[in-house]
Amino acid sequence: MFKGLGGMGDMAKMMKQAQELQGKVGEMQDNLANITVVGESGAGLVTVTATAKGVLTDLNIDQKILDPNEKEVVEDLILAAIKDAQQKAEDRSKAEMGKMAEELGLPPGMDLPF
């Protein structure tokens, strides 16, 4: 199609590759919404479920720790479980993006655009 236009053919190829990459990144972001991770604290007394995008979807508190005199402890355990879930979500997201980058032949450690 662009034969005889010199560097324009290469430019068109690069644009097509960029569009394909953009589509794959969008697809990966959609997939991250379907991957779940579970953060926990207090040896599993508090668990938080989140998507790999970091959206919290569930909170479970073992009733053994619901003592009104231990309110601050429960709050601390909830925050710790949330932070654990968020960290796991971030780690999983990076791992999934790393897999995609590798499949695309990008150098290790190269961040994909988000």
N, C-alpha and C. Protein backbone atom coordinates (compact mmCIF):
# COMPACT_ATOMS: atom_id res chain seq x y z
N MET A 1 0.82 -1.19 0.00
CA MET A 1 0.00 0.00 0.00
C MET A 1 0.86 1.26 0.00
N PHE A 2 1.88 1.27 0.82
CA PHE A 2 2.76 2.44 0.89
C PHE A 2 4.08 2.21 0.14
N LYS A 3 4.07 1.26 -0.74
CA LYS A 3 5.29 0.93 -1.48
C LYS A 3 5.73 2.15 -2.29
N GLY A 4 7.01 2.41 -2.23
CA GLY A 4 7.54 3.53 -2.99
C GLY A 4 7.51 4.85 -2.23
N LEU A 5 7.01 4.84 -1.01
CA LEU A 5 6.97 6.07 -0.23
C LEU A 5 8.11 6.16 0.79
N GLY A 6 9.09 5.27 0.65
CA GLY A 6 10.25 5.31 1.53
C GLY A 6 9.89 4.99 2.97
N GLY A 7 10.21 5.91 3.88
CA GLY A 7 9.99 5.71 5.32
C GLY A 7 8.53 5.72 5.72
N MET A 8 7.64 6.14 4.83
CA MET A 8 6.21 6.20 5.18
C MET A 8 5.65 4.81 5.44
N GLY A 9 6.16 3.80 4.72
CA GLY A 9 5.70 2.43 4.94
C GLY A 9 6.05 1.97 6.34
N ASP A 10 7.25 2.31 6.79
CA ASP A 10 7.67 1.96 8.15
C ASP A 10 6.81 2.68 9.18
N MET A 11 6.46 3.91 8.89
CA MET A 11 5.64 4.70 9.80
C MET A 11 4.25 4.06 9.93
N ALA A 12 3.69 3.64 8.82
CA ALA A 12 2.37 3.01 8.84
C ALA A 12 2.42 1.71 9.63
N LYS A 13 3.50 0.97 9.48
CA LYS A 13 3.67 -0.30 10.22
C LYS A 13 3.77 0.00 11.72
N MET A 14 4.51 1.02 12.07
CA MET A 14 4.65 1.39 13.49
C MET A 14 3.31 1.83 14.08
N MET A 15 2.53 2.57 13.31
CA MET A 15 1.23 3.03 13.79
C MET A 15 0.31 1.83 14.02
N LYS A 16 0.36 0.87 13.12
CA LYS A 16 -0.46 -0.33 13.26
C LYS A 16 -0.04 -1.10 14.51
N GLN A 17 1.26 -1.23 14.74
CA GLN A 17 1.76 -1.93 15.92
C GLN A 17 1.34 -1.20 17.20
N ALA A 18 1.38 0.12 17.16
CA ALA A 18 0.97 0.91 18.33
C ALA A 18 -0.51 0.70 18.63
N GLN A 19 -1.33 0.63 17.60
CA GLN A 19 -2.76 0.39 17.79
C GLN A 19 -3.01 -1.01 18.36
N GLU A 20 -2.25 -1.98 17.87
CA GLU A 20 -2.39 -3.35 18.38
C GLU A 20 -1.98 -3.40 19.85
N LEU A 21 -0.89 -2.71 20.19
CA LEU A 21 -0.43 -2.67 21.57
C LEU A 21 -1.49 -2.00 22.46
N GLN A 22 -2.05 -0.93 21.99
CA GLN A 22 -3.09 -0.23 22.75
C GLN A 22 -4.28 -1.16 22.99
N GLY A 23 -4.65 -1.92 22.01
CA GLY A 23 -5.75 -2.87 22.16
C GLY A 23 -5.43 -3.96 23.17
N LYS A 24 -4.20 -4.46 23.12
CA LYS A 24 -3.79 -5.51 24.06
C LYS A 24 -3.73 -4.97 25.49
N VAL A 25 -3.26 -3.76 25.66
CA VAL A 25 -3.21 -3.15 27.00
C VAL A 25 -4.63 -2.98 27.53
N GLY A 26 -5.54 -2.52 26.69
CA GLY A 26 -6.93 -2.36 27.11
C GLY A 26 -7.54 -3.70 27.51
N GLU A 27 -7.25 -4.72 26.72
CA GLU A 27 -7.75 -6.07 27.03
C GLU A 27 -7.18 -6.56 28.37
N MET A 28 -5.89 -6.31 28.60
CA MET A 28 -5.26 -6.73 29.84
C MET A 28 -5.89 -6.00 31.03
N GLN A 29 -6.17 -4.71 30.87
CA GLN A 29 -6.81 -3.96 31.96
C GLN A 29 -8.18 -4.54 32.27
N ASP A 30 -8.92 -4.94 31.24
CA ASP A 30 -10.21 -5.58 31.47
C ASP A 30 -10.03 -6.90 32.22
N ASN A 31 -9.01 -7.65 31.84
CA ASN A 31 -8.75 -8.93 32.50
C ASN A 31 -8.38 -8.73 33.97
N LEU A 32 -7.66 -7.66 34.29
CA LEU A 32 -7.27 -7.41 35.68
C LEU A 32 -8.49 -7.22 36.58
N ALA A 33 -9.58 -6.76 36.01
CA ALA A 33 -10.80 -6.58 36.79
C ALA A 33 -11.42 -7.92 37.17
N ASN A 34 -11.03 -8.99 36.47
CA ASN A 34 -11.58 -10.31 36.74
C ASN A 34 -10.66 -11.19 37.58
N ILE A 35 -9.45 -10.73 37.85
CA ILE A 35 -8.51 -11.48 38.68
C ILE A 35 -8.67 -11.00 40.11
N THR A 36 -8.79 -11.94 41.06
CA THR A 36 -8.94 -11.53 42.45
C THR A 36 -7.75 -11.99 43.28
N VAL A 37 -7.46 -11.21 44.30
CA VAL A 37 -6.44 -11.54 45.29
C VAL A 37 -7.08 -11.39 46.67
N VAL A 38 -6.50 -12.08 47.65
CA VAL A 38 -7.03 -12.01 49.02
C VAL A 38 -5.91 -11.55 49.94
N GLY A 39 -6.17 -10.47 50.66
CA GLY A 39 -5.25 -9.99 51.68
C GLY A 39 -5.78 -10.42 53.03
N GLU A 40 -4.86 -10.63 53.97
CA GLU A 40 -5.32 -11.05 55.29
C GLU A 40 -4.44 -10.48 56.38
N SER A 41 -4.99 -10.50 57.59
CA SER A 41 -4.23 -10.11 58.76
C SER A 41 -4.76 -10.90 59.95
N GLY A 42 -4.01 -10.86 61.05
CA GLY A 42 -4.42 -11.58 62.24
C GLY A 42 -4.53 -13.07 61.99
N ALA A 43 -3.61 -13.62 61.22
CA ALA A 43 -3.61 -15.06 60.89
C ALA A 43 -4.93 -15.48 60.26
N GLY A 44 -5.49 -14.63 59.42
CA GLY A 44 -6.71 -14.95 58.70
C GLY A 44 -7.99 -14.53 59.39
N LEU A 45 -7.87 -13.85 60.53
CA LEU A 45 -9.08 -13.40 61.22
C LEU A 45 -9.81 -12.31 60.44
N VAL A 46 -9.07 -11.55 59.66
CA VAL A 46 -9.66 -10.54 58.78
C VAL A 46 -9.12 -10.79 57.38
N THR A 47 -10.03 -10.94 56.40
CA THR A 47 -9.62 -11.11 55.02
C THR A 47 -10.33 -10.08 54.15
N VAL A 48 -9.62 -9.63 53.13
CA VAL A 48 -10.15 -8.67 52.18
C VAL A 48 -9.88 -9.21 50.79
N THR A 49 -10.90 -9.21 49.95
CA THR A 49 -10.76 -9.63 48.57
C THR A 49 -10.79 -8.38 47.70
N ALA A 50 -9.90 -8.37 46.69
CA ALA A 50 -9.82 -7.23 45.78
C ALA A 50 -9.53 -7.75 44.38
N THR A 51 -9.85 -6.93 43.38
CA THR A 51 -9.44 -7.27 42.03
C THR A 51 -7.98 -6.88 41.86
N ALA A 52 -7.37 -7.38 40.80
CA ALA A 52 -5.98 -7.03 40.52
C ALA A 52 -5.84 -5.56 40.16
N LYS A 53 -6.97 -4.87 39.93
CA LYS A 53 -6.94 -3.43 39.71
C LYS A 53 -6.99 -2.67 41.03
N GLY A 54 -7.14 -3.41 42.14
CA GLY A 54 -7.15 -2.77 43.46
C GLY A 54 -8.52 -2.40 43.98
N VAL A 55 -9.58 -2.84 43.33
CA VAL A 55 -10.93 -2.55 43.79
C VAL A 55 -11.32 -3.58 44.85
N LEU A 56 -11.65 -3.10 46.05
CA LEU A 56 -12.04 -4.00 47.13
C LEU A 56 -13.44 -4.53 46.86
N THR A 57 -13.60 -5.86 46.98
CA THR A 57 -14.89 -6.47 46.66
C THR A 57 -15.51 -7.21 47.83
N ASP A 58 -14.72 -7.54 48.86
CA ASP A 58 -15.28 -8.29 49.98
C ASP A 58 -14.43 -8.07 51.23
N LEU A 59 -15.09 -8.11 52.37
CA LEU A 59 -14.44 -7.99 53.67
C LEU A 59 -15.06 -9.05 54.57
N ASN A 60 -14.21 -9.85 55.22
CA ASN A 60 -14.70 -10.88 56.12
C ASN A 60 -13.97 -10.76 57.45
N ILE A 61 -14.74 -10.64 58.53
CA ILE A 61 -14.18 -10.51 59.87
C ILE A 61 -14.67 -11.69 60.70
N ASP A 62 -13.74 -12.46 61.24
CA ASP A 62 -14.11 -13.58 62.11
C ASP A 62 -14.76 -13.02 63.37
N GLN A 63 -15.91 -13.56 63.73
CA GLN A 63 -16.66 -13.02 64.86
C GLN A 63 -15.92 -13.15 66.18
N LYS A 64 -14.89 -13.98 66.25
CA LYS A 64 -14.11 -14.12 67.50
C LYS A 64 -13.45 -12.81 67.92
N ILE A 65 -13.21 -11.93 66.98
CA ILE A 65 -12.51 -10.69 67.33
C ILE A 65 -13.45 -9.51 67.52
N LEU A 66 -14.74 -9.74 67.47
CA LEU A 66 -15.70 -8.64 67.58
C LEU A 66 -16.06 -8.35 69.04
N ASP A 67 -15.06 -8.05 69.81
CA ASP A 67 -15.23 -7.67 71.22
C ASP A 67 -15.24 -6.14 71.27
N PRO A 68 -16.29 -5.52 71.80
CA PRO A 68 -16.36 -4.06 71.84
C PRO A 68 -15.16 -3.41 72.54
N ASN A 69 -14.52 -4.14 73.43
CA ASN A 69 -13.35 -3.60 74.13
C ASN A 69 -12.09 -3.64 73.26
N GLU A 70 -12.17 -4.31 72.14
CA GLU A 70 -11.01 -4.46 71.25
C GLU A 70 -11.21 -3.73 69.92
N LYS A 71 -11.99 -2.68 69.93
CA LYS A 71 -12.33 -1.95 68.71
C LYS A 71 -11.09 -1.51 67.93
N GLU A 72 -10.10 -0.96 68.61
CA GLU A 72 -8.90 -0.47 67.91
C GLU A 72 -8.12 -1.62 67.28
N VAL A 73 -8.09 -2.75 67.94
CA VAL A 73 -7.38 -3.91 67.39
C VAL A 73 -8.07 -4.36 66.10
N VAL A 74 -9.40 -4.42 66.12
CA VAL A 74 -10.15 -4.82 64.94
C VAL A 74 -9.91 -3.83 63.80
N GLU A 75 -9.93 -2.56 64.10
CA GLU A 75 -9.69 -1.54 63.07
C GLU A 75 -8.29 -1.70 62.47
N ASP A 76 -7.30 -1.95 63.32
CA ASP A 76 -5.94 -2.16 62.83
C ASP A 76 -5.84 -3.39 61.94
N LEU A 77 -6.53 -4.46 62.33
CA LEU A 77 -6.51 -5.69 61.53
C LEU A 77 -7.19 -5.46 60.18
N ILE A 78 -8.27 -4.71 60.17
CA ILE A 78 -8.95 -4.40 58.90
C ILE A 78 -8.03 -3.61 57.98
N LEU A 79 -7.40 -2.58 58.52
CA LEU A 79 -6.49 -1.77 57.69
C LEU A 79 -5.32 -2.61 57.18
N ALA A 80 -4.79 -3.48 58.03
CA ALA A 80 -3.67 -4.33 57.61
C ALA A 80 -4.09 -5.27 56.49
N ALA A 81 -5.29 -5.83 56.59
CA ALA A 81 -5.78 -6.73 55.54
C ALA A 81 -6.00 -5.98 54.23
N ILE A 82 -6.53 -4.77 54.33
CA ILE A 82 -6.74 -3.95 53.12
C ILE A 82 -5.41 -3.63 52.46
N LYS A 83 -4.42 -3.23 53.24
CA LYS A 83 -3.10 -2.92 52.67
C LYS A 83 -2.48 -4.16 52.04
N ASP A 84 -2.66 -5.32 52.68
CA ASP A 84 -2.14 -6.56 52.13
C ASP A 84 -2.80 -6.87 50.79
N ALA A 85 -4.12 -6.72 50.71
CA ALA A 85 -4.84 -6.97 49.46
C ALA A 85 -4.40 -6.00 48.37
N GLN A 86 -4.24 -4.73 48.73
CA GLN A 86 -3.81 -3.73 47.74
C GLN A 86 -2.41 -4.04 47.21
N GLN A 87 -1.51 -4.46 48.09
CA GLN A 87 -0.15 -4.80 47.66
C GLN A 87 -0.17 -6.02 46.74
N LYS A 88 -0.97 -7.01 47.11
CA LYS A 88 -1.07 -8.21 46.27
C LYS A 88 -1.69 -7.86 44.92
N ALA A 89 -2.66 -6.97 44.91
CA ALA A 89 -3.28 -6.54 43.66
C ALA A 89 -2.25 -5.85 42.77
N GLU A 90 -1.46 -4.98 43.36
CA GLU A 90 -0.43 -4.28 42.59
C GLU A 90 0.61 -5.26 42.04
N ASP A 91 1.03 -6.21 42.89
CA ASP A 91 2.01 -7.20 42.46
C ASP A 91 1.47 -8.05 41.32
N ARG A 92 0.22 -8.46 41.45
CA ARG A 92 -0.39 -9.29 40.41
C ARG A 92 -0.54 -8.52 39.11
N SER A 93 -0.93 -7.27 39.21
CA SER A 93 -1.07 -6.42 38.03
C SER A 93 0.27 -6.29 37.31
N LYS A 94 1.32 -6.03 38.07
CA LYS A 94 2.65 -5.91 37.46
C LYS A 94 3.08 -7.22 36.82
N ALA A 95 2.78 -8.34 37.48
CA ALA A 95 3.14 -9.64 36.92
C ALA A 95 2.42 -9.90 35.60
N GLU A 96 1.12 -9.57 35.56
CA GLU A 96 0.35 -9.77 34.33
C GLU A 96 0.86 -8.86 33.21
N MET A 97 1.18 -7.63 33.53
CA MET A 97 1.71 -6.71 32.52
C MET A 97 3.09 -7.17 32.05
N GLY A 98 3.88 -7.70 32.98
CA GLY A 98 5.19 -8.23 32.61
C GLY A 98 5.09 -9.38 31.63
N LYS A 99 4.09 -10.26 31.86
CA LYS A 99 3.87 -11.38 30.94
C LYS A 99 3.52 -10.85 29.55
N MET A 100 2.64 -9.85 29.51
CA MET A 100 2.23 -9.31 28.24
C MET A 100 3.41 -8.64 27.53
N ALA A 101 4.21 -7.90 28.29
CA ALA A 101 5.37 -7.22 27.70
C ALA A 101 6.33 -8.25 27.11
N GLU A 102 6.50 -9.35 27.84
CA GLU A 102 7.40 -10.41 27.37
C GLU A 102 6.86 -11.03 26.08
N GLU A 103 5.54 -11.27 26.04
CA GLU A 103 4.92 -11.83 24.84
C GLU A 103 5.08 -10.89 23.64
N LEU A 104 5.10 -9.60 23.91
CA LEU A 104 5.26 -8.61 22.84
C LEU A 104 6.72 -8.40 22.46
N GLY A 105 7.63 -9.04 23.19
CA GLY A 105 9.05 -8.91 22.89
C GLY A 105 9.68 -7.64 23.41
N LEU A 106 9.03 -7.00 24.39
CA LEU A 106 9.59 -5.78 24.97
C LEU A 106 10.69 -6.15 25.96
N PRO A 107 11.64 -5.26 26.16
CA PRO A 107 12.73 -5.54 27.11
C PRO A 107 12.19 -5.70 28.53
N PRO A 108 12.83 -6.58 29.35
CA PRO A 108 12.40 -6.75 30.74
C PRO A 108 12.43 -5.43 31.51
N GLY A 109 11.42 -5.19 32.32
CA GLY A 109 11.37 -3.99 33.13
C GLY A 109 10.75 -2.78 32.43
N MET A 110 10.43 -2.92 31.16
CA MET A 110 9.82 -1.80 30.44
C MET A 110 8.35 -1.71 30.86
N ASP A 111 7.95 -0.57 31.37
CA ASP A 111 6.58 -0.38 31.81
C ASP A 111 5.68 -0.10 30.61
N LEU A 112 4.53 -0.77 30.64
CA LEU A 112 3.54 -0.52 29.59
C LEU A 112 2.74 0.72 29.98
N PRO A 113 2.21 1.43 29.02
CA PRO A 113 1.46 2.66 29.32
C PRO A 113 0.13 2.37 29.99
N PHE A 114 -0.08 3.00 31.14
CA PHE A 114 -1.36 2.98 31.86
C PHE A 114 -1.62 4.39 32.29
